[in-house]
Amino acid sequence: MTPMLPLFLRAACVCAMAFAAAPAGAQTAGAYPVRPVRIVVPFAPGGATDILARAIGQKLTEALGQPVIVDNRAGAGGNIGTDAVAKAAPDGYTLLMGGVGPNAINPALYPKLPYDPIRDFAPVALVATVANVLVLHPSVPATSVKQLVALARAQPGKLTHASSSIGSAGHLAGEMMKLMTGIEMVTVHYKGSAPALLDLMSGQADLMFDNLPACLPHIKSGKLKVIATSNAQRTSALPDLPTVAESGLPGFDAGSWFGILAPAGTPRDIIGRLNAPIVKSLATPELKERMSSQGAAPVGSTPEEFGQHIRAEVAKWSKVIKAAKIQLE
């Protein structure tokens, strides 16, 4: 650099070189966001993950001043979309609507998972929990968890437990119940919740753990009998419905949850800029009502709290999967 160059020009050159040498995340942190943000949903449109992502995306669009687009990348139990975010640039423009399946269950279920649920992600906020319920065919002579367990013990292997798929939250809730009580049930796996519920309502199966939004119409019509929620807390949609834990199995918690994550290495100030509007929006009556209609309970959390939650869930489901000897190739 020539000594004759004016001082202000030399200073400008130094700043430009420093900016060029800075990491990508540092470059984007100050002005973030300057372009659209994408939330990857690792499942098909229309499900709980997709619905919640669109609700949060709308609020983030308003708060950030940039479009927030939902990108559905379904496949392999949520692994394809989740892996895409794990390998995305850590600049805050690619986010994940994660959940209990891809981010807590699948790590123990798939022996060759292409991502690490702890190492490869930066938690942003726990968005919501969705109530899972234990429903029976009306002919099953039990109106409580205690009665159901007693019935299963009196008739080992006779009760049929319907599962929407191998490794689903409903499947593992049934396995957790088996492990905690020592009862024997025949688990039958289906290709989705809808065919499993159809067989349950027709009497081909006796019981099932499934999400409340899918079950509620059939509970109201009397085609299914609900005896408990598998979540740690009662659901506001059915406030008189006891939890499995308070029905004789303390510590039982097999609820579903959803939250926003970013690729590991995303700058902390970008995480903060995303967390604040998410938590604020979850406290609004509008979003509370919208989520409640889907059987979801808004949460909101700090990134650190969400990270602790994920680690606890990974440890919990790993124990259940190993004890039940469940594995997918």
C-alpha atoms as a PDB file:
ATOM      1  CA  MET A   1       0.000   0.000   0.000  1.00  0.00           C
ATOM      2  CA  THR A   2       1.574   3.303  -1.099  1.00  0.00           C
ATOM      3  CA  PRO A   3       2.351   5.795   1.682  1.00  0.00           C
ATOM      4  CA  MET A   4       0.842   8.535  -0.499  1.00  0.00           C
ATOM      5  CA  LEU A   5      -2.622   6.917  -0.283  1.00  0.00           C
ATOM      6  CA  PRO A   6      -4.893   9.093   1.861  1.00  0.00           C
ATOM      7  CA  LEU A   7      -5.377   7.840   5.415  1.00  0.00           C
ATOM      8  CA  PHE A   8      -9.106   7.252   5.067  1.00  0.00           C
ATOM      9  CA  LEU A   9      -8.584   5.131   1.940  1.00  0.00           C
ATOM     10  CA  ARG A  10      -5.981   3.019   3.701  1.00  0.00           C
ATOM     11  CA  ALA A  11      -8.403   2.487   6.601  1.00  0.00           C
ATOM     12  CA  ALA A  12     -11.146   1.459   4.191  1.00  0.00           C
ATOM     13  CA  CYS A  13      -8.878  -1.088   2.538  1.00  0.00           C
ATOM     14  CA  VAL A  14      -7.912  -2.575   5.894  1.00  0.00           C
ATOM     15  CA  CYS A  15     -11.591  -2.917   6.869  1.00  0.00           C
ATOM     16  CA  ALA A  16     -12.457  -4.540   3.555  1.00  0.00           C
ATOM     17  CA  MET A  17      -9.633  -7.073   3.904  1.00  0.00           C
ATOM     18  CA  ALA A  18     -10.671  -7.877   7.480  1.00  0.00           C
ATOM     19  CA  PHE A  19     -14.264  -8.421   6.390  1.00  0.00           C
ATOM     20  CA  ALA A  20     -13.177 -10.736   3.567  1.00  0.00           C
ATOM     21  CA  ALA A  21     -11.082 -12.782   5.960  1.00  0.00           C
ATOM     22  CA  ALA A  22     -13.845 -13.113   8.577  1.00  0.00           C
ATOM     23  CA  PRO A  23     -15.846 -16.323   8.891  1.00  0.00           C
ATOM     24  CA  ALA A  24     -19.120 -16.502   6.937  1.00  0.00           C
ATOM     25  CA  GLY A  25     -21.218 -16.526  10.106  1.00  0.00           C
ATOM     26  CA  ALA A  26     -19.531 -13.349  11.376  1.00  0.00           C
ATOM     27  CA  GLN A  27     -20.236 -11.583   8.082  1.00  0.00           C
ATOM     28  CA  THR A  28     -23.964 -12.259   8.229  1.00  0.00           C
ATOM     29  CA  ALA A  29     -24.518 -11.711  11.942  1.00  0.00           C
ATOM     30  CA  GLY A  30     -24.582  -7.907  11.874  1.00  0.00           C
ATOM     31  CA  ALA A  31     -27.131  -7.427   9.105  1.00  0.00           C
ATOM     32  CA  TYR A  32     -29.103 -10.669   9.541  1.00  0.00           C
ATOM     33  CA  PRO A  33     -31.403 -11.338   7.819  1.00  0.00           C
ATOM     34  CA  VAL A  34     -30.901  -9.772   4.411  1.00  0.00           C
ATOM     35  CA  ARG A  35     -32.658 -12.505   2.399  1.00  0.00           C
ATOM     36  CA  PRO A  36     -35.368 -15.165   2.871  1.00  0.00           C
ATOM     37  CA  VAL A  37     -35.007 -17.739   5.639  1.00  0.00           C
ATOM     38  CA  ARG A  38     -35.923 -21.374   5.087  1.00  0.00           C
ATOM     39  CA  ILE A  39     -37.425 -23.772   7.643  1.00  0.00           C
ATOM     40  CA  VAL A  40     -36.931 -27.378   6.549  1.00  0.00           C
ATOM     41  CA  VAL A  41     -39.722 -29.734   7.609  1.00  0.00           C
ATOM     42  CA  PRO A  42     -38.465 -33.334   7.343  1.00  0.00           C
ATOM     43  CA  PHE A  43     -41.962 -34.687   6.716  1.00  0.00           C
ATOM     44  CA  ALA A  44     -44.727 -34.301   4.128  1.00  0.00           C
ATOM     45  CA  PRO A  45     -47.114 -31.318   4.227  1.00  0.00           C
ATOM     46  CA  GLY A  46     -50.174 -31.471   6.448  1.00  0.00           C
ATOM     47  CA  GLY A  47     -48.773 -33.164   9.538  1.00  0.00           C
ATOM     48  CA  ALA A  48     -48.169 -31.639  12.953  1.00  0.00           C
ATOM     49  CA  THR A  49     -44.536 -30.749  12.138  1.00  0.00           C
ATOM     50  CA  ASP A  50     -45.575 -28.914   8.986  1.00  0.00           C
ATOM     51  CA  ILE A  51     -48.504 -27.082  10.625  1.00  0.00           C
ATOM     52  CA  LEU A  52     -46.356 -25.825  13.499  1.00  0.00           C
ATOM     53  CA  ALA A  53     -43.530 -24.787  11.164  1.00  0.00           C
ATOM     54  CA  ARG A  54     -45.922 -22.682   9.092  1.00  0.00           C
ATOM     55  CA  ALA A  55     -47.350 -21.022  12.193  1.00  0.00           C
ATOM     56  CA  ILE A  56     -43.868 -20.122  13.448  1.00  0.00           C
ATOM     57  CA  GLY A  57     -42.735 -19.145   9.936  1.00  0.00           C
ATOM     58  CA  GLN A  58     -45.536 -16.611   9.649  1.00  0.00           C
ATOM     59  CA  LYS A  59     -44.559 -14.974  12.951  1.00  0.00           C
ATOM     60  CA  LEU A  60     -40.866 -14.943  12.048  1.00  0.00           C
ATOM     61  CA  THR A  61     -41.677 -13.306   8.714  1.00  0.00           C
ATOM     62  CA  GLU A  62     -43.374 -10.470  10.574  1.00  0.00           C
ATOM     63  CA  ALA A  63     -40.580 -10.141  13.133  1.00  0.00           C
ATOM     64  CA  LEU A  64     -37.559 -10.446  10.822  1.00  0.00           C
ATOM     65  CA  GLY A  65     -38.862  -8.459   7.867  1.00  0.00           C
ATOM     66  CA  GLN A  66     -37.885 -11.212   5.440  1.00  0.00           C
ATOM     67  CA  PRO A  67     -39.941 -14.100   4.006  1.00  0.00           C
ATOM     68  CA  VAL A  68     -39.659 -17.328   5.993  1.00  0.00           C
ATOM     69  CA  ILE A  69     -40.330 -20.259   3.664  1.00  0.00           C
ATOM     70  CA  VAL A  70     -41.280 -23.788   4.693  1.00  0.00           C
ATOM     71  CA  ASP A  71     -39.427 -26.451   2.701  1.00  0.00           C
ATOM     72  CA  ASN A  72     -40.815 -30.005   3.032  1.00  0.00           C
ATOM     73  CA  ARG A  73     -38.103 -32.654   2.598  1.00  0.00           C
ATOM     74  CA  ALA A  74     -39.666 -35.941   3.623  1.00  0.00           C
ATOM     75  CA  GLY A  75     -38.107 -39.392   3.715  1.00  0.00           C
ATOM     76  CA  ALA A  76     -36.389 -42.008   5.894  1.00  0.00           C
ATOM     77  CA  GLY A  77     -38.352 -41.175   9.022  1.00  0.00           C
ATOM     78  CA  GLY A  78     -37.306 -37.532   8.881  1.00  0.00           C
ATOM     79  CA  ASN A  79     -33.614 -38.271   8.388  1.00  0.00           C
ATOM     80  CA  ILE A  80     -33.271 -36.786   4.891  1.00  0.00           C
ATOM     81  CA  GLY A  81     -34.465 -33.286   5.741  1.00  0.00           C
ATOM     82  CA  THR A  82     -32.732 -33.297   9.112  1.00  0.00           C
ATOM     83  CA  ASP A  83     -29.421 -34.284   7.554  1.00  0.00           C
ATOM     84  CA  ALA A  84     -29.770 -31.530   4.939  1.00  0.00           C
ATOM     85  CA  VAL A  85     -29.944 -28.915   7.704  1.00  0.00           C
ATOM     86  CA  ALA A  86     -27.063 -30.515   9.617  1.00  0.00           C
ATOM     87  CA  LYS A  87     -24.873 -29.988   6.535  1.00  0.00           C
ATOM     88  CA  ALA A  88     -26.185 -26.520   5.634  1.00  0.00           C
ATOM     89  CA  ALA A  89     -24.177 -23.317   6.072  1.00  0.00           C
ATOM     90  CA  PRO A  90     -24.362 -22.059   9.678  1.00  0.00           C
ATOM     91  CA  ASP A  91     -25.570 -18.606   8.681  1.00  0.00           C
ATOM     92  CA  GLY A  92     -29.143 -18.570  10.029  1.00  0.00           C
ATOM     93  CA  TYR A  93     -30.796 -18.939   6.624  1.00  0.00           C
ATOM     94  CA  THR A  94     -31.514 -22.675   6.884  1.00  0.00           C
ATOM     95  CA  LEU A  95     -33.410 -23.890   9.957  1.00  0.00           C
ATOM     96  CA  LEU A  96     -35.039 -27.149  10.979  1.00  0.00           C
ATOM     97  CA  MET A  97     -38.404 -27.839  12.562  1.00  0.00           C
ATOM     98  CA  GLY A  98     -37.091 -30.745  14.571  1.00  0.00           C
ATOM     99  CA  GLY A  99     -38.990 -33.210  16.681  1.00  0.00           C
ATOM    100  CA  VAL A 100     -38.825 -36.223  18.924  1.00  0.00           C
ATOM    101  CA  GLY A 101     -38.454 -38.658  16.004  1.00  0.00           C
ATOM    102  CA  PRO A 102     -35.514 -37.281  13.996  1.00  0.00           C
ATOM    103  CA  ASN A 103     -33.788 -35.596  16.929  1.00  0.00           C
ATOM    104  CA  ALA A 104     -34.244 -38.063  19.804  1.00  0.00           C
ATOM    105  CA  ILE A 105     -35.541 -41.461  18.657  1.00  0.00           C
ATOM    106  CA  ASN A 106     -33.779 -42.014  15.331  1.00  0.00           C
ATOM    107  CA  PRO A 107     -30.212 -41.758  16.709  1.00  0.00           C
ATOM    108  CA  ALA A 108     -30.725 -45.059  18.542  1.00  0.00           C
ATOM    109  CA  LEU A 109     -33.046 -46.555  15.941  1.00  0.00           C
ATOM    110  CA  TYR A 110     -30.822 -46.210  12.862  1.00  0.00           C
ATOM    111  CA  PRO A 111     -27.335 -47.733  13.166  1.00  0.00           C
ATOM    112  CA  LYS A 112     -25.869 -45.502  10.424  1.00  0.00           C
ATOM    113  CA  LEU A 113     -27.529 -42.144  10.987  1.00  0.00           C
ATOM    114  CA  PRO A 114     -25.777 -39.492   8.849  1.00  0.00           C
ATOM    115  CA  TYR A 115     -26.014 -36.757  11.513  1.00  0.00           C
ATOM    116  CA  ASP A 116     -25.488 -36.372  15.250  1.00  0.00           C
ATOM    117  CA  PRO A 117     -28.521 -34.850  17.047  1.00  0.00           C
ATOM    118  CA  ILE A 118     -26.329 -33.061  19.601  1.00  0.00           C
ATOM    119  CA  ARG A 119     -23.086 -32.221  17.791  1.00  0.00           C
ATOM    120  CA  ASP A 120     -24.555 -31.101  14.451  1.00  0.00           C
ATOM    121  CA  PHE A 121     -27.226 -28.655  15.636  1.00  0.00           C
ATOM    122  CA  ALA A 122     -27.594 -25.405  17.553  1.00  0.00           C
ATOM    123  CA  PRO A 123     -30.910 -25.385  19.456  1.00  0.00           C
ATOM    124  CA  VAL A 124     -32.987 -22.222  19.015  1.00  0.00           C
ATOM    125  CA  ALA A 125     -36.256 -22.810  20.906  1.00  0.00           C
ATOM    126  CA  LEU A 126     -38.579 -25.591  22.002  1.00  0.00           C
ATOM    127  CA  VAL A 127     -41.825 -24.637  20.257  1.00  0.00           C
ATOM    128  CA  ALA A 128     -44.521 -27.032  21.440  1.00  0.00           C
ATOM    129  CA  THR A 129     -45.512 -30.366  22.846  1.00  0.00           C
ATOM    130  CA  VAL A 130     -48.311 -32.413  21.290  1.00  0.00           C
ATOM    131  CA  ALA A 131     -50.408 -34.691  23.438  1.00  0.00           C
ATOM    132  CA  ASN A 132     -50.273 -38.399  22.718  1.00  0.00           C
ATOM    133  CA  VAL A 133     -53.131 -40.415  24.160  1.00  0.00           C
ATOM    134  CA  LEU A 134     -53.773 -44.047  25.035  1.00  0.00           C
ATOM    135  CA  VAL A 135     -56.963 -45.137  23.287  1.00  0.00           C
ATOM    136  CA  LEU A 136     -58.773 -48.473  23.417  1.00  0.00           C
ATOM    137  CA  HIS A 137     -61.466 -50.192  21.417  1.00  0.00           C
ATOM    138  CA  PRO A 138     -64.708 -49.712  23.390  1.00  0.00           C
ATOM    139  CA  SER A 139     -64.994 -53.483  23.920  1.00  0.00           C
ATOM    140  CA  VAL A 140     -61.791 -53.651  25.990  1.00  0.00           C
ATOM    141  CA  PRO A 141     -62.942 -53.977  29.636  1.00  0.00           C
ATOM    142  CA  ALA A 142     -60.707 -51.267  31.100  1.00  0.00           C
ATOM    143  CA  THR A 143     -61.320 -47.626  31.935  1.00  0.00           C
ATOM    144  CA  SER A 144     -57.932 -46.811  33.466  1.00  0.00           C
ATOM    145  CA  VAL A 145     -54.266 -47.638  33.028  1.00  0.00           C
ATOM    146  CA  LYS A 146     -54.304 -49.758  36.188  1.00  0.00           C
ATOM    147  CA  GLN A 147     -57.206 -51.823  34.859  1.00  0.00           C
ATOM    148  CA  LEU A 148     -55.521 -52.213  31.464  1.00  0.00           C
ATOM    149  CA  VAL A 149     -52.277 -53.419  33.064  1.00  0.00           C
ATOM    150  CA  ALA A 150     -54.209 -55.858  35.270  1.00  0.00           C
ATOM    151  CA  LEU A 151     -56.048 -57.175  32.206  1.00  0.00           C
ATOM    152  CA  ALA A 152     -52.792 -57.655  30.294  1.00  0.00           C
ATOM    153  CA  ARG A 153     -51.220 -59.487  33.226  1.00  0.00           C
ATOM    154  CA  ALA A 154     -54.223 -61.791  33.519  1.00  0.00           C
ATOM    155  CA  GLN A 155     -54.114 -62.581  29.776  1.00  0.00           C
ATOM    156  CA  PRO A 156     -50.430 -62.460  28.669  1.00  0.00           C
ATOM    157  CA  GLY A 157     -49.993 -61.889  24.943  1.00  0.00           C
ATOM    158  CA  LYS A 158     -53.701 -61.537  24.207  1.00  0.00           C
ATOM    159  CA  LEU A 159     -53.962 -57.744  23.856  1.00  0.00           C
ATOM    160  CA  THR A 160     -52.974 -56.267  20.487  1.00  0.00           C
ATOM    161  CA  HIS A 161     -51.110 -52.968  20.420  1.00  0.00           C
ATOM    162  CA  ALA A 162     -51.430 -51.079  17.114  1.00  0.00           C
ATOM    163  CA  SER A 163     -48.447 -48.962  16.025  1.00  0.00           C
ATOM    164  CA  SER A 164     -48.396 -46.408  13.211  1.00  0.00           C
ATOM    165  CA  SER A 165     -44.853 -47.532  12.301  1.00  0.00           C
ATOM    166  CA  ILE A 166     -41.738 -49.117  13.754  1.00  0.00           C
ATOM    167  CA  GLY A 167     -39.953 -46.584  15.927  1.00  0.00           C
ATOM    168  CA  SER A 168     -42.822 -44.108  16.039  1.00  0.00           C
ATOM    169  CA  ALA A 169     -43.596 -42.273  19.280  1.00  0.00           C
ATOM    170  CA  GLY A 170     -46.706 -44.427  19.676  1.00  0.00           C
ATOM    171  CA  HIS A 171     -44.755 -47.637  19.178  1.00  0.00           C
ATOM    172  CA  LEU A 172     -42.146 -46.659  21.735  1.00  0.00           C
ATOM    173  CA  ALA A 173     -44.789 -45.526  24.233  1.00  0.00           C
ATOM    174  CA  GLY A 174     -46.169 -49.067  24.122  1.00  0.00           C
ATOM    175  CA  GLU A 175     -42.682 -50.520  24.550  1.00  0.00           C
ATOM    176  CA  MET A 176     -42.077 -48.217  27.505  1.00  0.00           C
ATOM    177  CA  MET A 177     -45.285 -49.448  29.112  1.00  0.00           C
ATOM    178  CA  LYS A 178     -44.210 -53.066  28.578  1.00  0.00           C
ATOM    179  CA  LEU A 179     -40.813 -52.408  30.149  1.00  0.00           C
ATOM    180  CA  MET A 180     -42.228 -50.543  33.152  1.00  0.00           C
ATOM    181  CA  THR A 181     -44.966 -53.092  33.923  1.00  0.00           C
ATOM    182  CA  GLY A 182     -43.633 -56.372  32.586  1.00  0.00           C
ATOM    183  CA  ILE A 183     -46.837 -57.026  30.628  1.00  0.00           C
ATOM    184  CA  GLU A 184     -46.915 -58.881  27.317  1.00  0.00           C
ATOM    185  CA  MET A 185     -48.747 -57.417  24.301  1.00  0.00           C
ATOM    186  CA  VAL A 186     -48.619 -58.232  20.607  1.00  0.00           C
ATOM    187  CA  THR A 187     -47.484 -55.152  18.690  1.00  0.00           C
ATOM    188  CA  VAL A 188     -48.682 -54.846  15.091  1.00  0.00           C
ATOM    189  CA  HIS A 189     -47.028 -52.209  12.893  1.00  0.00           C
ATOM    190  CA  TYR A 190     -48.944 -50.336  10.188  1.00  0.00           C
ATOM    191  CA  LYS A 191     -47.940 -47.969   7.415  1.00  0.00           C
ATOM    192  CA  GLY A 192     -49.236 -44.857   9.101  1.00  0.00           C
ATOM    193  CA  SER A 193     -51.634 -43.730  11.769  1.00  0.00           C
ATOM    194  CA  ALA A 194     -54.792 -43.853   9.633  1.00  0.00           C
ATOM    195  CA  PRO A 195     -54.796 -47.615   8.855  1.00  0.00           C
ATOM    196  CA  ALA A 196     -53.844 -48.409  12.459  1.00  0.00           C
ATOM    197  CA  LEU A 197     -56.761 -46.358  13.772  1.00  0.00           C
ATOM    198  CA  LEU A 198     -59.127 -48.030  11.297  1.00  0.00           C
ATOM    199  CA  ASP A 199     -58.182 -51.474  12.596  1.00  0.00           C
ATOM    200  CA  LEU A 200     -58.471 -50.255  16.168  1.00  0.00           C
ATOM    201  CA  MET A 201     -61.963 -48.892  15.565  1.00  0.00           C
ATOM    202  CA  SER A 202     -63.021 -52.111  13.799  1.00  0.00           C
ATOM    203  CA  GLY A 203     -61.839 -54.220  16.744  1.00  0.00           C
ATOM    204  CA  GLN A 204     -58.886 -55.813  14.940  1.00  0.00           C
ATOM    205  CA  ALA A 205     -56.621 -54.204  17.544  1.00  0.00           C
ATOM    206  CA  ASP A 206     -57.206 -53.433  21.215  1.00  0.00           C
ATOM    207  CA  LEU A 207     -55.169 -50.340  22.021  1.00  0.00           C
ATOM    208  CA  MET A 208     -52.933 -47.665  20.578  1.00  0.00           C
ATOM    209  CA  PHE A 209     -50.862 -44.633  21.552  1.00  0.00           C
ATOM    210  CA  ASP A 210     -51.385 -41.865  19.001  1.00  0.00           C
ATOM    211  CA  ASN A 211     -51.481 -38.080  18.796  1.00  0.00           C
ATOM    212  CA  LEU A 212     -54.595 -36.372  20.098  1.00  0.00           C
ATOM    213  CA  PRO A 213     -55.559 -34.501  16.887  1.00  0.00           C
ATOM    214  CA  ALA A 214     -55.854 -37.812  15.002  1.00  0.00           C
ATOM    215  CA  CYS A 215     -57.830 -39.497  17.785  1.00  0.00           C
ATOM    216  CA  LEU A 216     -60.088 -36.711  19.020  1.00  0.00           C
ATOM    217  CA  PRO A 217     -62.874 -37.023  16.405  1.00  0.00           C
ATOM    218  CA  HIS A 218     -63.139 -40.756  17.095  1.00  0.00           C
ATOM    219  CA  ILE A 219     -63.112 -40.197  20.851  1.00  0.00           C
ATOM    220  CA  LYS A 220     -65.961 -37.708  20.526  1.00  0.00           C
ATOM    221  CA  SER A 221     -67.946 -40.092  18.306  1.00  0.00           C
ATOM    222  CA  GLY A 222     -67.526 -42.947  20.801  1.00  0.00           C
ATOM    223  CA  LYS A 223     -65.594 -45.145  18.376  1.00  0.00           C
ATOM    224  CA  LEU A 224     -62.558 -45.010  20.675  1.00  0.00           C
ATOM    225  CA  LYS A 225     -62.195 -44.937  24.438  1.00  0.00           C
ATOM    226  CA  VAL A 226     -59.431 -42.734  25.845  1.00  0.00           C
ATOM    227  CA  ILE A 227     -57.971 -43.537  29.261  1.00  0.00           C
ATOM    228  CA  ALA A 228     -54.805 -41.439  29.604  1.00  0.00           C
ATOM    229  CA  THR A 229     -52.330 -39.083  27.989  1.00  0.00           C
ATOM    230  CA  SER A 230     -48.760 -40.294  27.702  1.00  0.00           C
ATOM    231  CA  ASN A 231     -47.304 -36.801  28.212  1.00  0.00           C
ATOM    232  CA  ALA A 232     -45.823 -35.670  31.514  1.00  0.00           C
ATOM    233  CA  GLN A 233     -48.602 -33.095  31.962  1.00  0.00           C
ATOM    234  CA  ARG A 234     -52.309 -33.189  31.266  1.00  0.00           C
ATOM    235  CA  THR A 235     -53.538 -31.661  28.015  1.00  0.00           C
ATOM    236  CA  SER A 236     -55.727 -28.553  28.003  1.00  0.00           C
ATOM    237  CA  ALA A 237     -57.855 -30.129  25.272  1.00  0.00           C
ATOM    238  CA  LEU A 238     -58.952 -32.855  27.737  1.00  0.00           C
ATOM    239  CA  PRO A 239     -58.146 -31.403  31.172  1.00  0.00           C
ATOM    240  CA  ASP A 240     -59.886 -34.205  33.099  1.00  0.00           C
ATOM    241  CA  LEU A 241     -57.872 -36.914  31.351  1.00  0.00           C
ATOM    242  CA  PRO A 242     -55.137 -38.248  33.681  1.00  0.00           C
ATOM    243  CA  THR A 243     -51.572 -38.890  32.590  1.00  0.00           C
ATOM    244  CA  VAL A 244     -50.152 -42.404  32.485  1.00  0.00           C
ATOM    245  CA  ALA A 245     -47.662 -41.276  35.146  1.00  0.00           C
ATOM    246  CA  GLU A 246     -50.349 -40.314  37.631  1.00  0.00           C
ATOM    247  CA  SER A 247     -52.298 -43.473  36.793  1.00  0.00           C
ATOM    248  CA  GLY A 248     -49.801 -45.816  38.407  1.00  0.00           C
ATOM    249  CA  LEU A 249     -46.615 -45.493  36.310  1.00  0.00           C
ATOM    250  CA  PRO A 250     -44.652 -42.572  37.805  1.00  0.00           C
ATOM    251  CA  GLY A 251     -42.006 -41.184  35.466  1.00  0.00           C
ATOM    252  CA  PHE A 252     -43.808 -42.289  32.296  1.00  0.00           C
ATOM    253  CA  ASP A 253     -43.384 -39.568  29.669  1.00  0.00           C
ATOM    254  CA  ALA A 254     -43.836 -40.402  26.001  1.00  0.00           C
ATOM    255  CA  GLY A 255     -45.036 -37.134  24.554  1.00  0.00           C
ATOM    256  CA  SER A 256     -44.166 -35.595  21.202  1.00  0.00           C
ATOM    257  CA  TRP A 257     -42.372 -32.266  20.904  1.00  0.00           C
ATOM    258  CA  PHE A 258     -41.211 -29.882  18.200  1.00  0.00           C
ATOM    259  CA  GLY A 259     -38.612 -27.134  18.089  1.00  0.00           C
ATOM    260  CA  ILE A 260     -36.488 -24.930  15.862  1.00  0.00           C
ATOM    261  CA  LEU A 261     -32.813 -25.778  15.374  1.00  0.00           C
ATOM    262  CA  ALA A 262     -30.008 -24.313  13.278  1.00  0.00           C
ATOM    263  CA  PRO A 263     -26.800 -25.927  11.988  1.00  0.00           C
ATOM    264  CA  ALA A 264     -24.012 -26.145  14.561  1.00  0.00           C
ATOM    265  CA  GLY A 265     -21.745 -23.115  14.434  1.00  0.00           C
ATOM    266  CA  THR A 266     -24.524 -20.593  13.794  1.00  0.00           C
ATOM    267  CA  PRO A 267     -23.498 -17.332  15.542  1.00  0.00           C
ATOM    268  CA  ARG A 268     -25.034 -16.822  18.984  1.00  0.00           C
ATOM    269  CA  ASP A 269     -26.455 -13.406  18.107  1.00  0.00           C
ATOM    270  CA  ILE A 270     -28.375 -14.943  15.180  1.00  0.00           C
ATOM    271  CA  ILE A 271     -29.690 -17.663  17.500  1.00  0.00           C
ATOM    272  CA  GLY A 272     -30.823 -14.890  19.840  1.00  0.00           C
ATOM    273  CA  ARG A 273     -32.513 -12.924  17.062  1.00  0.00           C
ATOM    274  CA  LEU A 274     -34.503 -16.038  16.152  1.00  0.00           C
ATOM    275  CA  ASN A 275     -35.272 -17.123  19.706  1.00  0.00           C
ATOM    276  CA  ALA A 276     -36.764 -13.833  20.903  1.00  0.00           C
ATOM    277  CA  PRO A 277     -39.622 -13.525  18.345  1.00  0.00           C
ATOM    278  CA  ILE A 278     -40.390 -17.246  18.566  1.00  0.00           C
ATOM    279  CA  VAL A 279     -40.793 -17.126  22.353  1.00  0.00           C
ATOM    280  CA  LYS A 280     -42.770 -13.873  22.136  1.00  0.00           C
ATOM    281  CA  SER A 281     -45.155 -15.256  19.491  1.00  0.00           C
ATOM    282  CA  LEU A 282     -45.793 -18.435  21.490  1.00  0.00           C
ATOM    283  CA  ALA A 283     -47.186 -16.289  24.316  1.00  0.00           C
ATOM    284  CA  THR A 284     -49.793 -14.576  22.117  1.00  0.00           C
ATOM    285  CA  PRO A 285     -53.472 -15.605  22.442  1.00  0.00           C
ATOM    286  CA  GLU A 286     -53.635 -16.055  18.658  1.00  0.00           C
ATOM    287  CA  LEU A 287     -50.898 -18.679  18.487  1.00  0.00           C
ATOM    288  CA  LYS A 288     -52.008 -20.359  21.709  1.00  0.00           C
ATOM    289  CA  GLU A 289     -55.501 -20.826  20.262  1.00  0.00           C
ATOM    290  CA  ARG A 290     -54.165 -21.952  16.888  1.00  0.00           C
ATOM    291  CA  MET A 291     -51.911 -24.571  18.465  1.00  0.00           C
ATOM    292  CA  SER A 292     -54.552 -25.719  20.924  1.00  0.00           C
ATOM    293  CA  SER A 293     -56.850 -26.509  17.996  1.00  0.00           C
ATOM    294  CA  GLN A 294     -54.132 -28.896  16.769  1.00  0.00           C
ATOM    295  CA  GLY A 295     -53.753 -30.545  20.174  1.00  0.00           C
ATOM    296  CA  ALA A 296     -50.461 -28.719  20.786  1.00  0.00           C
ATOM    297  CA  ALA A 297     -49.297 -26.774  23.830  1.00  0.00           C
ATOM    298  CA  PRO A 298     -46.904 -23.863  23.129  1.00  0.00           C
ATOM    299  CA  VAL A 299     -43.736 -23.911  25.201  1.00  0.00           C
ATOM    300  CA  GLY A 300     -41.009 -21.389  24.379  1.00  0.00           C
ATOM    301  CA  SER A 301     -37.566 -21.824  25.918  1.00  0.00           C
ATOM    302  CA  THR A 302     -34.024 -20.570  25.887  1.00  0.00           C
ATOM    303  CA  PRO A 303     -31.607 -22.294  23.502  1.00  0.00           C
ATOM    304  CA  GLU A 304     -29.842 -23.798  26.513  1.00  0.00           C
ATOM    305  CA  GLU A 305     -33.065 -25.234  27.938  1.00  0.00           C
ATOM    306  CA  PHE A 306     -33.933 -26.755  24.565  1.00  0.00           C
ATOM    307  CA  GLY A 307     -30.474 -28.296  24.331  1.00  0.00           C
ATOM    308  CA  GLN A 308     -30.875 -29.901  27.760  1.00  0.00           C
ATOM    309  CA  HIS A 309     -34.290 -31.220  26.728  1.00  0.00           C
ATOM    310  CA  ILE A 310     -32.876 -32.852  23.584  1.00  0.00           C
ATOM    311  CA  ARG A 311     -30.032 -34.508  25.482  1.00  0.00           C
ATOM    312  CA  ALA A 312     -32.470 -35.921  28.051  1.00  0.00           C
ATOM    313  CA  GLU A 313     -34.789 -37.217  25.318  1.00  0.00           C
ATOM    314  CA  VAL A 314     -31.931 -38.879  23.400  1.00  0.00           C
ATOM    315  CA  ALA A 315     -30.822 -40.660  26.573  1.00  0.00           C
ATOM    316  CA  LYS A 316     -34.361 -41.741  27.477  1.00  0.00           C
ATOM    317  CA  TRP A 317     -35.318 -43.188  24.112  1.00  0.00           C
ATOM    318  CA  SER A 318     -31.935 -44.832  23.650  1.00  0.00           C
ATOM    319  CA  LYS A 319     -32.566 -46.856  26.817  1.00  0.00           C
ATOM    320  CA  VAL A 320     -36.051 -47.892  25.666  1.00  0.00           C
ATOM    321  CA  ILE A 321     -34.900 -48.859  22.154  1.00  0.00           C
ATOM    322  CA  LYS A 322     -31.954 -50.884  23.430  1.00  0.00           C
ATOM    323  CA  ALA A 323     -34.027 -52.634  26.096  1.00  0.00           C
ATOM    324  CA  ALA A 324     -36.735 -53.499  23.555  1.00  0.00           C
ATOM    325  CA  LYS A 325     -34.072 -54.516  20.987  1.00  0.00           C
ATOM    326  CA  ILE A 326     -35.548 -52.370  18.215  1.00  0.00           C
ATOM    327  CA  GLN A 327     -33.407 -51.490  15.207  1.00  0.00           C
ATOM    328  CA  LEU A 328     -33.907 -50.360  11.616  1.00  0.00           C
ATOM    329  CA  GLU A 329     -31.443 -50.786   8.792  1.00  0.00           C
END
